Amino acid sequence: VQLQASGGGLVQTGGSLRLSCAASGRTFSTDNMGWFRQAPGKGREFVAAIRGASTFYADSLKGRFTISRDNAKVTVYLQMNSLKPEDTAVYYCAANKGVYYSDYTKYGYWGQGTQVTVSS
């Protein structure tokens, strides 16, 4: 499975961005598509995941971030609204098979990451 993330950039506080993750290859072998982020000097943090029609979010991000998918395009999106400086990080999309959706160590396929910078 190959994943290509895009859509990051520089945005002001309160702004919005939509990240995309295009998947190719043996995508039928995966169950979960997830987004994680990593800020400088911090560990990789779960953001959101989607499994079929079910969605999962980090508690702290509920209401601001929305994950969705377009099965025809084999693409997963992360809509991020009301962005804050603390959302600044490299955002990664990932895919795995199984029931674990929030543990980054359970993901075997990763995109290259896209930088999101929120200015104050």
Protein backbone atom coordinates (compact mmCIF):
# COMPACT_ATOMS: atom_id res chain seq x y z
CA VAL A 1 0.00 0.00 0.00
CA GLN A 2 1.33 3.40 -0.95
CA LEU A 3 0.03 6.58 0.64
CA GLN A 4 0.49 10.12 -0.62
CA ALA A 5 -0.42 12.94 1.74
CA SER A 6 -0.97 16.50 0.60
CA GLY A 7 -2.72 19.73 1.53
CA GLY A 8 -0.57 21.10 4.30
CA GLY A 9 0.52 24.70 4.46
CA LEU A 10 0.64 27.90 6.46
CA VAL A 11 -2.62 29.24 7.87
CA GLN A 12 -3.57 31.83 10.45
CA THR A 13 -5.22 31.00 13.75
CA GLY A 14 -8.87 30.24 13.17
CA GLY A 15 -8.32 29.19 9.59
CA SER A 16 -9.00 25.86 7.90
CA LEU A 17 -7.12 23.31 5.87
CA ARG A 18 -8.07 20.06 4.22
CA LEU A 19 -5.51 17.31 4.02
CA SER A 20 -5.76 14.51 1.50
CA CYS A 21 -4.30 11.04 1.54
CA ALA A 22 -4.43 9.14 -1.72
CA ALA A 23 -3.95 5.40 -1.41
CA SER A 24 -2.81 2.96 -4.06
CA GLY A 25 -1.75 -0.64 -4.24
CA ARG A 26 -3.31 -3.38 -2.12
CA THR A 27 -5.73 -1.10 -0.35
CA PHE A 28 -8.20 -3.96 0.09
CA SER A 29 -5.75 -5.40 2.61
CA THR A 30 -6.34 -2.56 5.07
CA ASP A 31 -9.12 -1.82 7.53
CA ASN A 32 -8.25 1.52 9.04
CA MET A 33 -7.04 4.76 7.57
CA GLY A 34 -5.69 7.15 10.15
CA TRP A 35 -4.15 10.55 10.60
CA PHE A 36 -1.41 11.21 13.10
CA ARG A 37 0.66 14.26 13.80
CA GLN A 38 4.03 15.00 15.28
CA ALA A 39 5.11 18.37 16.57
CA PRO A 40 8.79 19.24 17.05
CA GLY A 41 10.19 17.52 20.10
CA LYS A 42 7.01 15.53 20.71
CA GLY A 43 5.83 12.03 20.01
CA ARG A 44 3.46 10.94 17.29
CA GLU A 45 -0.12 11.70 18.28
CA PHE A 46 -3.37 10.13 17.09
CA VAL A 47 -5.66 12.57 15.32
CA ALA A 48 -8.45 10.62 13.63
CA ALA A 49 -9.22 7.34 11.90
CA ILE A 50 -11.89 5.89 9.67
CA ARG A 51 -12.97 2.29 9.31
CA GLY A 52 -15.73 1.74 6.82
CA ALA A 53 -18.37 4.25 7.81
CA SER A 54 -17.11 4.58 11.37
CA THR A 55 -14.96 7.51 12.45
CA PHE A 56 -12.79 7.98 15.51
CA TYR A 57 -11.17 11.10 16.91
CA ALA A 58 -8.77 12.18 19.58
CA ASP A 59 -10.96 13.61 22.32
CA SER A 60 -9.19 16.95 22.22
CA LEU A 61 -9.91 17.40 18.50
CA LYS A 62 -13.56 16.41 18.32
CA GLY A 63 -15.67 19.13 16.81
CA ARG A 64 -12.83 20.81 14.95
CA PHE A 65 -11.48 18.00 12.78
CA THR A 66 -13.46 15.75 10.46
CA ILE A 67 -12.21 12.65 8.69
CA SER A 68 -13.94 11.36 5.58
CA ARG A 69 -13.27 9.17 2.60
CA ASP A 70 -14.02 9.00 -1.08
CA ASN A 71 -14.01 5.33 -2.00
CA ALA A 72 -14.07 6.03 -5.72
CA LYS A 73 -10.87 8.06 -5.44
CA VAL A 74 -9.42 5.82 -2.71
CA THR A 75 -8.68 8.98 -0.79
CA VAL A 76 -9.12 9.96 2.82
CA TYR A 77 -9.52 13.57 3.89
CA LEU A 78 -8.95 15.45 7.10
CA GLN A 79 -10.87 18.70 7.32
CA MET A 80 -9.35 20.90 10.00
CA ASN A 81 -11.25 23.95 11.19
CA SER A 82 -10.63 26.61 13.83
CA LEU A 83 -6.94 25.84 13.71
CA LYS A 84 -4.74 26.82 16.62
CA PRO A 85 -0.98 27.31 16.88
CA GLU A 86 -0.78 24.08 18.89
CA ASP A 87 -2.05 22.22 15.82
CA THR A 88 1.26 22.97 14.14
CA ALA A 89 2.89 19.65 13.26
CA VAL A 90 3.75 17.28 10.48
CA TYR A 91 0.63 15.32 9.67
CA TYR A 92 0.91 11.73 8.51
CA CYS A 93 -1.66 9.43 7.03
CA ALA A 94 -1.41 5.75 7.71
CA ALA A 95 -3.18 2.47 7.03
CA ASN A 96 -3.40 -0.81 8.84
CA LYS A 97 -5.39 -3.96 9.21
CA GLY A 98 -7.02 -4.91 12.46
CA VAL A 99 -8.94 -3.35 15.31
CA TYR A 100 -6.34 -0.92 16.63
CA TYR A 101 -6.91 2.49 15.10
CA SER A 102 -5.32 4.95 17.54
CA ASP A 103 -1.99 3.26 18.24
CA TYR A 104 0.56 4.40 15.70
CA THR A 105 2.74 1.35 16.37
CA LYS A 106 -0.03 -0.80 14.89
CA TYR A 107 0.14 0.94 11.52
CA GLY A 108 2.36 -0.58 8.85
CA TYR A 109 1.80 1.80 5.98
CA TRP A 110 2.67 5.48 6.14
CA GLY A 111 2.58 8.47 3.88
CA GLN A 112 5.43 10.93 3.72
CA GLY A 113 3.88 13.60 5.95
CA THR A 114 2.68 17.09 5.21
CA GLN A 115 3.56 20.16 7.24
CA VAL A 116 0.81 22.22 8.83
CA THR A 117 1.83 25.52 10.38
CA VAL A 118 -0.66 27.71 12.20
CA SER A 119 0.52 31.24 12.88
CA SER A 120 -0.71 33.24 15.85
